[in-house]
């Protein structure tokens, strides 16, 4: 895995300043949070923890402080315009993990706490169960949009399509949702937001192109 990620980073680095960004799924935590912390620390990936309860996860706090921004709530990248050398397009990445760890990983997380953590299968989660998660995403997106009104927003969502749709409805500034967890083939467009399922083992989507026009507005995906 690390060799593969290193190669991907090297190839991406030739074209941009992008890292390999990663959001945890429930099966990434089947070995417990201490195992996942070791992965975060040793891997070159940048881990997005937008809906983690950082204040009540002291081990994660330590990682965030000591791993040179490898564990973050969100990350912004610059994309150089291919015509105007003075123009860079901003892209925000946020990441949400299904917060039902008491259901999927009972007793395995001793330190890592998620916002809205509950003992429910994803199909049984309602909007009222996920308000802290929605607010965490909205906070990151609002902050980004205030500084970069023309910037694009990408959500890595390991939640399943129904919850991805809830997040989209609550935070309509999101442009792309890459949806995991339910292994379904789904595409959905509502407002400015495209939801695209990745399928099982990322079998559906291999790349995305975000095209900005000459005025810096996101034109097509």
N, C-alpha and C. Protein backbone atom coordinates (compact mmCIF):
# COMPACT_ATOMS: atom_id res chain seq x y z
N UNK A 1 0.83 -1.20 0.00
CA UNK A 1 0.00 0.00 0.00
C UNK A 1 0.87 1.26 0.00
N UNK A 2 1.86 1.32 0.87
CA UNK A 2 2.69 2.51 0.94
C UNK A 2 3.45 2.74 -0.37
N UNK A 3 3.90 1.66 -1.02
CA UNK A 3 4.60 1.81 -2.30
C UNK A 3 3.65 2.37 -3.35
N UNK A 4 2.41 1.89 -3.35
CA UNK A 4 1.42 2.37 -4.30
C UNK A 4 1.13 3.85 -4.08
N UNK A 5 0.94 4.23 -2.83
CA UNK A 5 0.64 5.62 -2.51
C UNK A 5 1.83 6.51 -2.88
N UNK A 6 3.03 6.04 -2.63
CA UNK A 6 4.23 6.81 -2.99
C UNK A 6 4.25 7.07 -4.50
N UNK A 7 3.93 6.04 -5.28
CA UNK A 7 3.92 6.20 -6.74
C UNK A 7 2.84 7.20 -7.15
N UNK A 8 1.64 7.08 -6.56
CA UNK A 8 0.56 8.01 -6.90
C UNK A 8 0.96 9.44 -6.57
N UNK A 9 1.57 9.63 -5.40
CA UNK A 9 2.02 10.97 -5.01
C UNK A 9 3.05 11.51 -5.99
N UNK A 10 3.97 10.67 -6.42
CA UNK A 10 5.01 11.13 -7.35
C UNK A 10 4.39 11.54 -8.68
N UNK A 11 3.43 10.76 -9.16
CA UNK A 11 2.79 11.10 -10.43
C UNK A 11 1.95 12.37 -10.30
N UNK A 12 1.22 12.48 -9.19
CA UNK A 12 0.40 13.68 -8.98
C UNK A 12 1.28 14.91 -8.84
N UNK A 13 2.44 14.74 -8.21
CA UNK A 13 3.34 15.87 -7.99
C UNK A 13 3.90 16.45 -9.27
N UNK A 14 3.89 15.65 -10.34
CA UNK A 14 4.40 16.15 -11.61
C UNK A 14 3.44 17.18 -12.22
N UNK A 15 2.16 17.07 -11.87
CA UNK A 15 1.16 17.94 -12.47
C UNK A 15 0.61 18.99 -11.52
N UNK A 16 0.76 18.80 -10.22
CA UNK A 16 0.14 19.72 -9.26
C UNK A 16 0.79 19.54 -7.90
N UNK A 17 0.25 20.27 -6.91
CA UNK A 17 0.77 20.12 -5.56
C UNK A 17 -0.17 19.26 -4.71
N UNK A 18 -0.96 18.39 -5.33
CA UNK A 18 -1.91 17.57 -4.60
C UNK A 18 -1.21 16.46 -3.83
N UNK A 19 -1.75 16.15 -2.65
CA UNK A 19 -1.37 14.96 -1.90
C UNK A 19 -2.35 13.84 -2.24
N UNK A 20 -2.09 12.66 -1.71
CA UNK A 20 -3.12 11.62 -1.69
C UNK A 20 -3.95 11.86 -0.43
N UNK A 21 -5.23 12.17 -0.61
CA UNK A 21 -6.10 12.44 0.54
C UNK A 21 -6.98 11.23 0.80
N UNK A 22 -7.28 11.01 2.06
CA UNK A 22 -7.91 9.77 2.52
C UNK A 22 -8.90 10.09 3.63
N UNK A 23 -10.04 9.42 3.60
CA UNK A 23 -11.00 9.50 4.68
C UNK A 23 -11.30 8.09 5.18
N UNK A 24 -11.31 7.91 6.47
CA UNK A 24 -11.52 6.58 7.05
C UNK A 24 -12.91 6.03 6.74
N UNK A 25 -12.96 4.73 6.48
CA UNK A 25 -14.22 4.01 6.46
C UNK A 25 -14.30 3.16 7.72
N UNK A 26 -15.47 2.58 7.97
CA UNK A 26 -15.62 1.80 9.19
C UNK A 26 -14.69 0.59 9.21
N UNK A 27 -14.40 -0.01 8.04
CA UNK A 27 -13.52 -1.18 8.03
C UNK A 27 -12.05 -0.80 8.24
N UNK A 28 -11.70 0.46 8.00
CA UNK A 28 -10.35 0.91 8.34
C UNK A 28 -10.13 0.87 9.85
N UNK A 29 -11.21 0.82 10.60
CA UNK A 29 -11.12 0.83 12.05
C UNK A 29 -11.41 -0.54 12.66
N UNK A 30 -11.44 -1.58 11.81
CA UNK A 30 -11.67 -2.93 12.33
C UNK A 30 -10.53 -3.39 13.25
N UNK A 31 -9.36 -2.79 13.10
CA UNK A 31 -8.23 -3.12 13.97
C UNK A 31 -8.12 -2.21 15.18
N UNK A 32 -9.10 -1.31 15.35
CA UNK A 32 -9.08 -0.39 16.49
C UNK A 32 -8.39 0.90 16.14
N UNK A 33 -8.56 1.89 17.02
CA UNK A 33 -8.03 3.23 16.72
C UNK A 33 -6.50 3.29 16.84
N UNK A 34 -5.90 2.51 17.74
CA UNK A 34 -4.44 2.56 17.86
C UNK A 34 -3.77 2.10 16.56
N UNK A 35 -4.33 1.05 15.94
CA UNK A 35 -3.81 0.59 14.65
C UNK A 35 -3.96 1.68 13.60
N UNK A 36 -5.14 2.34 13.59
CA UNK A 36 -5.37 3.38 12.59
C UNK A 36 -4.44 4.56 12.79
N UNK A 37 -4.14 4.90 14.04
CA UNK A 37 -3.19 5.98 14.31
C UNK A 37 -1.81 5.67 13.74
N UNK A 38 -1.39 4.38 13.85
CA UNK A 38 -0.10 3.99 13.28
C UNK A 38 -0.10 4.17 11.77
N UNK A 39 -1.22 3.83 11.13
CA UNK A 39 -1.33 4.01 9.68
C UNK A 39 -1.24 5.49 9.33
N UNK A 40 -1.97 6.32 10.05
CA UNK A 40 -1.95 7.76 9.78
C UNK A 40 -0.54 8.33 9.92
N UNK A 41 0.17 7.85 10.94
CA UNK A 41 1.50 8.39 11.23
C UNK A 41 2.53 7.95 10.20
N UNK A 42 2.46 6.70 9.74
CA UNK A 42 3.51 6.16 8.87
C UNK A 42 3.23 6.36 7.39
N UNK A 43 1.98 6.54 7.03
CA UNK A 43 1.63 6.62 5.61
C UNK A 43 1.84 8.03 5.09
N UNK A 44 2.19 8.18 3.80
CA UNK A 44 2.30 9.52 3.20
C UNK A 44 0.94 10.15 2.90
N UNK A 45 -0.15 9.42 3.11
CA UNK A 45 -1.46 9.99 2.85
C UNK A 45 -1.77 11.14 3.82
N UNK A 46 -2.62 12.06 3.36
CA UNK A 46 -3.16 13.09 4.24
C UNK A 46 -4.57 12.63 4.63
N UNK A 47 -4.81 12.45 5.93
CA UNK A 47 -6.09 11.93 6.41
C UNK A 47 -7.02 13.08 6.81
N UNK A 48 -8.23 13.06 6.25
CA UNK A 48 -9.24 14.08 6.55
C UNK A 48 -10.17 13.58 7.64
N UNK A 49 -10.33 14.37 8.70
CA UNK A 49 -11.12 13.95 9.87
C UNK A 49 -12.15 15.02 10.20
N UNK A 50 -12.91 15.43 9.20
CA UNK A 50 -13.84 16.56 9.37
C UNK A 50 -14.87 16.31 10.45
N UNK A 51 -15.38 15.08 10.56
CA UNK A 51 -16.42 14.83 11.57
C UNK A 51 -15.93 14.02 12.76
N UNK A 52 -14.63 14.13 13.05
CA UNK A 52 -14.11 13.53 14.28
C UNK A 52 -14.23 14.53 15.42
N UNK A 53 -14.58 14.06 16.59
CA UNK A 53 -14.65 14.89 17.79
C UNK A 53 -13.23 15.03 18.35
N UNK A 54 -12.49 15.98 17.79
CA UNK A 54 -11.06 16.11 18.10
C UNK A 54 -10.84 16.42 19.58
N UNK A 55 -11.69 17.25 20.16
CA UNK A 55 -11.51 17.65 21.56
C UNK A 55 -11.55 16.46 22.51
N UNK A 56 -12.28 15.42 22.14
CA UNK A 56 -12.40 14.23 22.99
C UNK A 56 -11.62 13.04 22.44
N UNK A 57 -10.65 13.31 21.57
CA UNK A 57 -9.78 12.28 21.01
C UNK A 57 -8.33 12.70 21.21
N UNK A 58 -7.80 12.57 22.43
CA UNK A 58 -6.47 13.09 22.73
C UNK A 58 -5.36 12.49 21.88
N UNK A 59 -5.47 11.21 21.55
CA UNK A 59 -4.46 10.59 20.71
C UNK A 59 -4.43 11.20 19.33
N UNK A 60 -5.59 11.49 18.79
CA UNK A 60 -5.67 12.14 17.48
C UNK A 60 -5.14 13.57 17.56
N UNK A 61 -5.46 14.26 18.63
CA UNK A 61 -4.93 15.62 18.81
C UNK A 61 -3.41 15.61 18.72
N UNK A 62 -2.79 14.64 19.37
CA UNK A 62 -1.33 14.54 19.35
C UNK A 62 -0.82 14.32 17.94
N UNK A 63 -1.50 13.44 17.18
CA UNK A 63 -1.11 13.21 15.79
C UNK A 63 -1.22 14.48 14.96
N UNK A 64 -2.28 15.23 15.17
CA UNK A 64 -2.49 16.45 14.40
C UNK A 64 -1.41 17.48 14.69
N UNK A 65 -0.87 17.42 15.89
CA UNK A 65 0.15 18.40 16.30
C UNK A 65 1.56 17.97 15.91
N UNK A 66 1.77 16.68 15.65
CA UNK A 66 3.15 16.19 15.50
C UNK A 66 3.44 15.54 14.15
N UNK A 67 2.46 15.51 13.23
CA UNK A 67 2.69 14.80 11.96
C UNK A 67 2.72 15.75 10.77
N UNK A 68 3.05 17.01 10.99
CA UNK A 68 3.27 17.96 9.90
C UNK A 68 2.06 18.03 8.96
N UNK A 69 0.89 18.26 9.55
CA UNK A 69 -0.34 18.45 8.78
C UNK A 69 -0.74 17.23 7.94
N UNK A 70 -0.41 16.04 8.40
CA UNK A 70 -0.86 14.83 7.71
C UNK A 70 -2.26 14.41 8.16
N UNK A 71 -2.71 14.93 9.30
CA UNK A 71 -4.06 14.65 9.80
C UNK A 71 -4.74 15.99 10.01
N UNK A 72 -5.79 16.26 9.22
CA UNK A 72 -6.40 17.59 9.20
C UNK A 72 -7.92 17.47 9.05
N UNK A 73 -8.61 18.53 9.43
CA UNK A 73 -10.06 18.55 9.24
C UNK A 73 -10.43 18.81 7.79
N UNK A 74 -9.60 19.57 7.09
CA UNK A 74 -9.82 19.84 5.68
C UNK A 74 -8.51 20.29 5.06
N UNK A 75 -8.46 20.34 3.74
CA UNK A 75 -7.25 20.79 3.06
C UNK A 75 -7.65 21.54 1.79
N UNK A 76 -6.90 22.59 1.48
CA UNK A 76 -7.14 23.39 0.28
C UNK A 76 -5.94 23.26 -0.64
N UNK A 77 -6.21 23.01 -1.91
CA UNK A 77 -5.15 22.91 -2.92
C UNK A 77 -5.31 24.00 -3.98
N UNK A 78 -4.18 24.43 -4.52
CA UNK A 78 -4.16 25.37 -5.64
C UNK A 78 -4.02 24.58 -6.94
N UNK A 79 -4.81 24.95 -7.92
CA UNK A 79 -4.69 24.37 -9.25
C UNK A 79 -4.34 25.50 -10.21
N UNK A 80 -3.18 25.40 -10.82
CA UNK A 80 -2.71 26.44 -11.73
C UNK A 80 -3.56 26.47 -12.99
N UNK A 81 -4.04 27.65 -13.36
CA UNK A 81 -4.77 27.80 -14.61
C UNK A 81 -3.85 27.50 -15.78
N UNK A 82 -4.37 26.85 -16.81
CA UNK A 82 -3.52 26.45 -17.92
C UNK A 82 -3.29 27.56 -18.94
N UNK A 83 -3.98 28.71 -18.76
CA UNK A 83 -3.79 29.84 -19.68
C UNK A 83 -3.17 31.04 -18.98
N UNK A 84 -3.68 31.36 -17.81
CA UNK A 84 -3.26 32.56 -17.08
C UNK A 84 -2.27 32.17 -15.98
N UNK A 85 -1.00 32.53 -16.12
CA UNK A 85 -0.01 32.14 -15.10
C UNK A 85 -0.25 32.82 -13.75
N UNK A 86 -1.07 33.87 -13.74
CA UNK A 86 -1.36 34.59 -12.49
C UNK A 86 -2.63 34.10 -11.80
N UNK A 87 -3.28 33.10 -12.39
CA UNK A 87 -4.55 32.63 -11.85
C UNK A 87 -4.41 31.20 -11.31
N UNK A 88 -4.80 31.03 -10.05
CA UNK A 88 -4.84 29.70 -9.44
C UNK A 88 -6.24 29.44 -8.91
N UNK A 89 -6.75 28.26 -9.18
CA UNK A 89 -8.07 27.87 -8.72
C UNK A 89 -7.94 27.10 -7.41
N UNK A 90 -8.84 27.39 -6.49
CA UNK A 90 -8.80 26.76 -5.17
C UNK A 90 -9.79 25.61 -5.10
N UNK A 91 -9.34 24.50 -4.49
CA UNK A 91 -10.22 23.34 -4.30
C UNK A 91 -10.10 22.88 -2.84
N UNK A 92 -11.23 22.84 -2.15
CA UNK A 92 -11.30 22.37 -0.76
C UNK A 92 -11.72 20.91 -0.73
N UNK A 93 -11.01 20.11 0.07
CA UNK A 93 -11.40 18.72 0.33
C UNK A 93 -11.79 18.57 1.79
N UNK A 94 -12.96 17.97 2.03
CA UNK A 94 -13.40 17.60 3.38
C UNK A 94 -13.74 16.11 3.35
N UNK A 95 -13.75 15.48 4.53
CA UNK A 95 -14.01 14.04 4.57
C UNK A 95 -14.88 13.65 5.75
N UNK A 96 -15.89 12.83 5.49
CA UNK A 96 -16.82 12.40 6.53
C UNK A 96 -16.85 10.87 6.59
N UNK A 97 -16.73 10.35 7.80
CA UNK A 97 -16.81 8.91 8.06
C UNK A 97 -18.16 8.59 8.69
N UNK A 98 -18.74 7.45 8.33
CA UNK A 98 -19.99 7.02 8.98
C UNK A 98 -19.79 7.03 10.50
N UNK A 99 -20.62 7.76 11.26
CA UNK A 99 -20.33 7.92 12.69
C UNK A 99 -20.88 6.82 13.59
N UNK A 100 -21.34 5.73 13.01
CA UNK A 100 -21.98 4.68 13.81
C UNK A 100 -20.97 3.66 14.32
N UNK A 101 -19.96 4.12 15.02
CA UNK A 101 -18.89 3.20 15.43
C UNK A 101 -19.33 2.24 16.53
N UNK A 102 -20.31 2.62 17.32
CA UNK A 102 -20.82 1.69 18.33
C UNK A 102 -21.53 0.51 17.68
N UNK A 103 -22.01 0.72 16.44
CA UNK A 103 -22.67 -0.35 15.69
C UNK A 103 -21.66 -1.18 14.91
N UNK A 104 -20.77 -0.50 14.16
CA UNK A 104 -19.85 -1.21 13.26
C UNK A 104 -18.60 -1.73 13.97
N UNK A 105 -18.13 -1.02 14.97
CA UNK A 105 -16.88 -1.40 15.64
C UNK A 105 -17.05 -1.33 17.16
N UNK A 106 -17.96 -2.10 17.71
CA UNK A 106 -18.23 -1.98 19.15
C UNK A 106 -17.00 -2.34 19.99
N UNK A 107 -16.63 -1.42 20.88
CA UNK A 107 -15.55 -1.66 21.82
C UNK A 107 -14.15 -1.49 21.27
N UNK A 108 -14.00 -1.18 19.98
CA UNK A 108 -12.67 -1.11 19.37
C UNK A 108 -12.03 0.27 19.44
N UNK A 109 -12.85 1.30 19.62
CA UNK A 109 -12.31 2.66 19.63
C UNK A 109 -12.24 3.16 21.07
N UNK A 110 -11.01 3.20 21.61
CA UNK A 110 -10.81 3.63 22.99
C UNK A 110 -10.54 5.12 23.09
N UNK A 111 -10.01 5.70 22.00
CA UNK A 111 -9.61 7.11 22.02
C UNK A 111 -10.34 7.92 20.97
N UNK A 112 -10.53 7.36 19.80
CA UNK A 112 -11.10 8.10 18.67
C UNK A 112 -12.61 8.23 18.81
N UNK A 113 -13.09 9.45 18.83
CA UNK A 113 -14.52 9.73 18.98
C UNK A 113 -15.03 10.48 17.75
N UNK A 114 -16.18 10.07 17.26
CA UNK A 114 -16.81 10.75 16.14
C UNK A 114 -17.98 11.60 16.62
N UNK A 115 -18.20 12.72 15.95
CA UNK A 115 -19.40 13.50 16.21
C UNK A 115 -20.62 12.67 15.82
N UNK A 116 -21.65 12.73 16.62
CA UNK A 116 -22.90 11.99 16.39
C UNK A 116 -22.73 10.47 16.49
N UNK A 117 -21.69 10.00 17.18
CA UNK A 117 -21.47 8.56 17.32
C UNK A 117 -22.71 7.91 17.94
N UNK A 118 -23.20 6.86 17.29
CA UNK A 118 -24.42 6.22 17.79
C UNK A 118 -24.42 4.75 17.38
N UNK A 119 -25.32 4.01 17.95
CA UNK A 119 -25.42 2.57 17.71
C UNK A 119 -26.53 2.30 16.69
N UNK A 120 -26.31 2.82 15.46
CA UNK A 120 -27.31 2.65 14.42
C UNK A 120 -26.64 2.28 13.10
N UNK A 121 -27.26 1.39 12.36
CA UNK A 121 -26.84 1.09 10.99
C UNK A 121 -27.10 2.32 10.13
N UNK A 122 -26.33 2.47 9.05
CA UNK A 122 -26.45 3.67 8.23
C UNK A 122 -27.88 3.86 7.70
N UNK A 123 -28.58 2.77 7.35
CA UNK A 123 -29.93 2.88 6.80
C UNK A 123 -30.92 3.44 7.82
N UNK A 124 -30.58 3.38 9.10
CA UNK A 124 -31.50 3.86 10.14
C UNK A 124 -31.17 5.26 10.64
N UNK A 125 -30.11 5.85 10.12
CA UNK A 125 -29.74 7.19 10.55
C UNK A 125 -30.64 8.23 9.89
N UNK A 126 -31.11 9.18 10.69
CA UNK A 126 -31.95 10.26 10.19
C UNK A 126 -31.21 11.59 10.33
N UNK A 127 -31.77 12.62 9.72
CA UNK A 127 -31.13 13.94 9.79
C UNK A 127 -30.91 14.39 11.23
N UNK A 128 -31.86 14.08 12.09
CA UNK A 128 -31.75 14.49 13.49
C UNK A 128 -30.57 13.82 14.21
N UNK A 129 -30.10 12.69 13.66
CA UNK A 129 -28.96 11.98 14.27
C UNK A 129 -27.62 12.56 13.86
N UNK A 130 -27.60 13.46 12.87
CA UNK A 130 -26.35 13.84 12.22
C UNK A 130 -26.08 15.34 12.22
N UNK A 131 -26.72 16.07 13.11
CA UNK A 131 -26.60 17.53 13.08
C UNK A 131 -25.18 18.03 13.33
N UNK A 132 -24.45 17.39 14.24
CA UNK A 132 -23.07 17.82 14.49
C UNK A 132 -22.18 17.56 13.27
N UNK A 133 -22.44 16.45 12.59
CA UNK A 133 -21.69 16.13 11.37
C UNK A 133 -21.96 17.17 10.30
N UNK A 134 -23.23 17.50 10.07
CA UNK A 134 -23.57 18.51 9.08
C UNK A 134 -22.89 19.84 9.41
N UNK A 135 -22.96 20.23 10.67
CA UNK A 135 -22.39 21.52 11.07
C UNK A 135 -20.87 21.55 10.91
N UNK A 136 -20.22 20.40 11.16
CA UNK A 136 -18.76 20.35 11.01
C UNK A 136 -18.36 20.58 9.55
N UNK A 137 -19.09 19.94 8.62
CA UNK A 137 -18.82 20.15 7.20
C UNK A 137 -19.12 21.58 6.80
N UNK A 138 -20.27 22.09 7.24
CA UNK A 138 -20.67 23.45 6.88
C UNK A 138 -19.67 24.48 7.37
N UNK A 139 -19.12 24.27 8.56
CA UNK A 139 -18.13 25.21 9.11
C UNK A 139 -16.91 25.30 8.21
N UNK A 140 -16.39 24.15 7.76
CA UNK A 140 -15.21 24.15 6.89
C UNK A 140 -15.53 24.78 5.54
N UNK A 141 -16.69 24.46 4.98
CA UNK A 141 -17.06 24.97 3.66
C UNK A 141 -17.33 26.47 3.72
N UNK A 142 -18.05 26.93 4.73
CA UNK A 142 -18.34 28.37 4.85
C UNK A 142 -17.05 29.18 4.99
N UNK A 143 -16.13 28.69 5.78
CA UNK A 143 -14.84 29.38 5.96
C UNK A 143 -14.09 29.48 4.63
N UNK A 144 -14.08 28.39 3.89
CA UNK A 144 -13.40 28.36 2.59
C UNK A 144 -14.07 29.29 1.60
N UNK A 145 -15.41 29.25 1.52
CA UNK A 145 -16.13 30.05 0.54
C UNK A 145 -16.04 31.54 0.84
N UNK A 146 -15.92 31.89 2.11
CA UNK A 146 -15.77 33.29 2.47
C UNK A 146 -14.47 33.85 1.88
N UNK A 147 -13.42 33.04 1.88
CA UNK A 147 -12.13 33.48 1.35
C UNK A 147 -12.00 33.21 -0.15
N UNK A 148 -12.73 32.18 -0.64
CA UNK A 148 -12.59 31.75 -2.04
C UNK A 148 -13.98 31.50 -2.63
N UNK A 149 -14.73 32.56 -2.92
CA UNK A 149 -16.11 32.38 -3.38
C UNK A 149 -16.24 31.59 -4.68
N UNK A 150 -15.20 31.56 -5.50
CA UNK A 150 -15.24 30.80 -6.75
C UNK A 150 -14.60 29.42 -6.63
N UNK A 151 -14.12 29.10 -5.45
CA UNK A 151 -13.44 27.83 -5.26
C UNK A 151 -14.39 26.65 -5.33
N UNK A 152 -13.84 25.47 -5.63
CA UNK A 152 -14.62 24.23 -5.71
C UNK A 152 -14.49 23.45 -4.40
N UNK A 153 -15.52 22.66 -4.10
CA UNK A 153 -15.54 21.88 -2.86
C UNK A 153 -15.79 20.41 -3.19
N UNK A 154 -14.92 19.52 -2.68
CA UNK A 154 -15.05 18.08 -2.88
C UNK A 154 -15.20 17.41 -1.52
N UNK A 155 -16.21 16.58 -1.38
CA UNK A 155 -16.44 15.82 -0.14
C UNK A 155 -16.14 14.35 -0.38
N UNK A 156 -15.22 13.79 0.42
CA UNK A 156 -15.02 12.34 0.46
C UNK A 156 -15.96 11.82 1.55
N UNK A 157 -16.96 11.04 1.15
CA UNK A 157 -18.02 10.66 2.07
C UNK A 157 -18.11 9.14 2.19
N UNK A 158 -17.60 8.60 3.30
CA UNK A 158 -17.77 7.17 3.54
C UNK A 158 -18.99 6.99 4.44
N UNK A 159 -20.16 7.23 3.84
CA UNK A 159 -21.41 7.22 4.61
C UNK A 159 -22.53 6.45 3.93
N UNK A 160 -22.44 6.22 2.64
CA UNK A 160 -23.57 5.70 1.87
C UNK A 160 -24.37 6.84 1.27
N UNK A 161 -25.08 6.54 0.20
CA UNK A 161 -25.76 7.57 -0.59
C UNK A 161 -26.83 8.36 0.19
N UNK A 162 -27.68 7.72 0.99
CA UNK A 162 -28.71 8.51 1.69
C UNK A 162 -28.12 9.62 2.57
N UNK A 163 -27.03 9.32 3.28
CA UNK A 163 -26.42 10.34 4.14
C UNK A 163 -25.67 11.35 3.29
N UNK A 164 -25.03 10.92 2.21
CA UNK A 164 -24.38 11.87 1.32
C UNK A 164 -25.39 12.88 0.78
N UNK A 165 -26.59 12.42 0.47
CA UNK A 165 -27.64 13.33 -0.01
C UNK A 165 -28.07 14.30 1.09
N UNK A 166 -28.13 13.82 2.33
CA UNK A 166 -28.46 14.71 3.45
C UNK A 166 -27.41 15.81 3.59
N UNK A 167 -26.13 15.42 3.50
CA UNK A 167 -25.06 16.42 3.62
C UNK A 167 -25.15 17.41 2.48
N UNK A 168 -25.39 16.92 1.27
CA UNK A 168 -25.54 17.81 0.12
C UNK A 168 -26.66 18.82 0.34
N UNK A 169 -27.79 18.38 0.87
CA UNK A 169 -28.92 19.27 1.08
C UNK A 169 -28.61 20.30 2.16
N UNK A 170 -27.81 19.90 3.15
CA UNK A 170 -27.47 20.81 4.25
C UNK A 170 -26.35 21.77 3.85
N UNK A 171 -25.47 21.34 2.96
CA UNK A 171 -24.34 22.17 2.54
C UNK A 171 -24.33 22.20 1.00
N UNK A 172 -25.21 22.99 0.38
CA UNK A 172 -25.36 22.96 -1.07
C UNK A 172 -24.18 23.56 -1.83
N UNK A 173 -23.20 24.16 -1.11
CA UNK A 173 -22.01 24.70 -1.79
C UNK A 173 -21.04 23.60 -2.24
N UNK A 174 -21.26 22.38 -1.79
CA UNK A 174 -20.40 21.27 -2.21
C UNK A 174 -20.62 21.01 -3.70
N UNK A 175 -19.54 20.85 -4.44
CA UNK A 175 -19.64 20.61 -5.88
C UNK A 175 -19.61 19.13 -6.23
N UNK A 176 -18.76 18.37 -5.55
CA UNK A 176 -18.62 16.94 -5.85
C UNK A 176 -18.62 16.15 -4.54
N UNK A 177 -19.43 15.10 -4.50
CA UNK A 177 -19.37 14.13 -3.41
C UNK A 177 -18.90 12.81 -4.00
N UNK A 178 -17.80 12.28 -3.49
CA UNK A 178 -17.35 10.94 -3.84
C UNK A 178 -17.81 10.02 -2.73
N UNK A 179 -18.80 9.19 -3.04
CA UNK A 179 -19.52 8.44 -2.01
C UNK A 179 -19.05 6.99 -1.93
N UNK A 180 -18.76 6.56 -0.72
CA UNK A 180 -18.41 5.18 -0.45
C UNK A 180 -19.33 4.58 0.60
N UNK A 181 -19.06 3.35 0.97
CA UNK A 181 -19.70 2.61 2.07
C UNK A 181 -20.80 1.67 1.59
N UNK A 182 -21.68 2.11 0.68
CA UNK A 182 -22.80 1.25 0.31
C UNK A 182 -22.53 0.42 -0.95
N UNK A 183 -21.39 0.65 -1.63
CA UNK A 183 -20.97 -0.16 -2.78
C UNK A 183 -21.97 -0.12 -3.93
N UNK A 184 -22.73 0.97 -4.05
CA UNK A 184 -23.72 1.07 -5.11
C UNK A 184 -23.21 1.95 -6.26
N UNK A 185 -23.84 1.81 -7.41
CA UNK A 185 -23.52 2.63 -8.57
C UNK A 185 -24.57 3.72 -8.65
N UNK A 186 -24.22 4.90 -8.17
CA UNK A 186 -25.19 6.00 -8.12
C UNK A 186 -24.56 7.28 -8.62
N UNK A 187 -25.26 7.97 -9.48
CA UNK A 187 -24.91 9.35 -9.81
C UNK A 187 -26.15 10.20 -9.59
N UNK A 188 -25.95 11.38 -9.04
CA UNK A 188 -27.08 12.23 -8.72
C UNK A 188 -26.65 13.69 -8.80
N UNK A 189 -27.41 14.49 -9.48
CA UNK A 189 -27.14 15.93 -9.57
C UNK A 189 -28.32 16.69 -9.02
N UNK A 190 -28.03 17.56 -8.04
CA UNK A 190 -29.05 18.45 -7.49
C UNK A 190 -28.40 19.78 -7.20
N UNK A 191 -28.95 20.84 -7.77
CA UNK A 191 -28.33 22.15 -7.60
C UNK A 191 -26.95 22.16 -8.21
N UNK A 192 -25.94 22.52 -7.40
CA UNK A 192 -24.55 22.56 -7.86
C UNK A 192 -23.77 21.30 -7.52
N UNK A 193 -24.46 20.31 -6.91
CA UNK A 193 -23.73 19.18 -6.34
C UNK A 193 -23.90 17.90 -7.14
N UNK A 194 -22.79 17.33 -7.57
CA UNK A 194 -22.76 16.00 -8.18
C UNK A 194 -22.39 14.98 -7.11
N UNK A 195 -23.23 13.96 -6.93
CA UNK A 195 -22.87 12.83 -6.08
C UNK A 195 -22.49 11.67 -6.99
N UNK A 196 -21.32 11.11 -6.78
CA UNK A 196 -20.84 10.00 -7.58
C UNK A 196 -20.37 8.89 -6.65
N UNK A 197 -20.99 7.73 -6.75
CA UNK A 197 -20.56 6.61 -5.93
C UNK A 197 -19.31 5.97 -6.51
N UNK A 198 -18.46 5.49 -5.63
CA UNK A 198 -17.21 4.87 -6.04
C UNK A 198 -17.36 3.37 -6.28
N UNK A 199 -18.45 2.77 -5.79
CA UNK A 199 -18.63 1.33 -5.92
C UNK A 199 -17.75 0.57 -4.96
N UNK A 200 -17.68 -0.72 -5.14
CA UNK A 200 -16.84 -1.55 -4.29
C UNK A 200 -15.38 -1.42 -4.72
N UNK A 201 -14.51 -1.14 -3.75
CA UNK A 201 -13.06 -1.02 -4.02
C UNK A 201 -12.76 0.00 -5.12
N UNK A 202 -13.54 1.09 -5.13
CA UNK A 202 -13.29 2.19 -6.07
C UNK A 202 -13.29 1.72 -7.52
N UNK A 203 -14.27 0.87 -7.87
CA UNK A 203 -14.28 0.26 -9.20
C UNK A 203 -14.92 1.15 -10.26
N UNK A 204 -15.62 2.21 -9.87
CA UNK A 204 -16.41 2.98 -10.82
C UNK A 204 -15.65 4.20 -11.34
N UNK A 205 -15.12 5.03 -10.43
CA UNK A 205 -14.50 6.29 -10.84
C UNK A 205 -12.99 6.19 -10.73
N UNK A 206 -12.31 6.57 -11.79
CA UNK A 206 -10.85 6.58 -11.79
C UNK A 206 -10.30 8.01 -11.80
N UNK A 207 -11.06 8.96 -12.30
CA UNK A 207 -10.57 10.34 -12.32
C UNK A 207 -11.74 11.30 -12.47
N UNK A 208 -11.51 12.54 -12.05
CA UNK A 208 -12.46 13.63 -12.24
C UNK A 208 -11.73 14.80 -12.87
N UNK A 209 -12.39 15.50 -13.76
CA UNK A 209 -11.86 16.74 -14.31
C UNK A 209 -12.77 17.89 -13.91
N UNK A 210 -12.21 18.87 -13.22
CA UNK A 210 -12.94 20.08 -12.87
C UNK A 210 -12.46 21.19 -13.80
N UNK A 211 -13.37 21.70 -14.64
CA UNK A 211 -12.99 22.71 -15.63
C UNK A 211 -13.47 24.09 -15.18
N UNK A 212 -12.53 25.01 -15.03
CA UNK A 212 -12.84 26.39 -14.69
C UNK A 212 -12.79 27.24 -15.96
N UNK A 213 -13.69 28.21 -16.08
CA UNK A 213 -13.65 29.09 -17.25
C UNK A 213 -12.62 30.21 -17.05
N UNK A 214 -12.52 31.10 -18.02
CA UNK A 214 -11.49 32.15 -17.98
C UNK A 214 -11.72 33.14 -16.86
N UNK A 215 -12.96 33.20 -16.32
CA UNK A 215 -13.25 34.10 -15.20
C UNK A 215 -13.01 33.44 -13.85
N UNK A 216 -12.59 32.17 -13.87
CA UNK A 216 -12.30 31.47 -12.62
C UNK A 216 -13.49 30.76 -12.03
N UNK A 217 -14.62 30.70 -12.75
CA UNK A 217 -15.82 30.00 -12.24
C UNK A 217 -15.76 28.53 -12.64
N UNK A 218 -16.19 27.66 -11.73
CA UNK A 218 -16.28 26.23 -12.04
C UNK A 218 -17.40 26.04 -13.07
N UNK A 219 -17.02 25.50 -14.22
CA UNK A 219 -17.95 25.41 -15.35
C UNK A 219 -18.54 24.01 -15.51
N UNK A 220 -17.68 23.00 -15.52
CA UNK A 220 -18.15 21.63 -15.69
C UNK A 220 -17.33 20.68 -14.82
N UNK A 221 -17.92 19.53 -14.53
CA UNK A 221 -17.23 18.45 -13.80
C UNK A 221 -17.37 17.19 -14.63
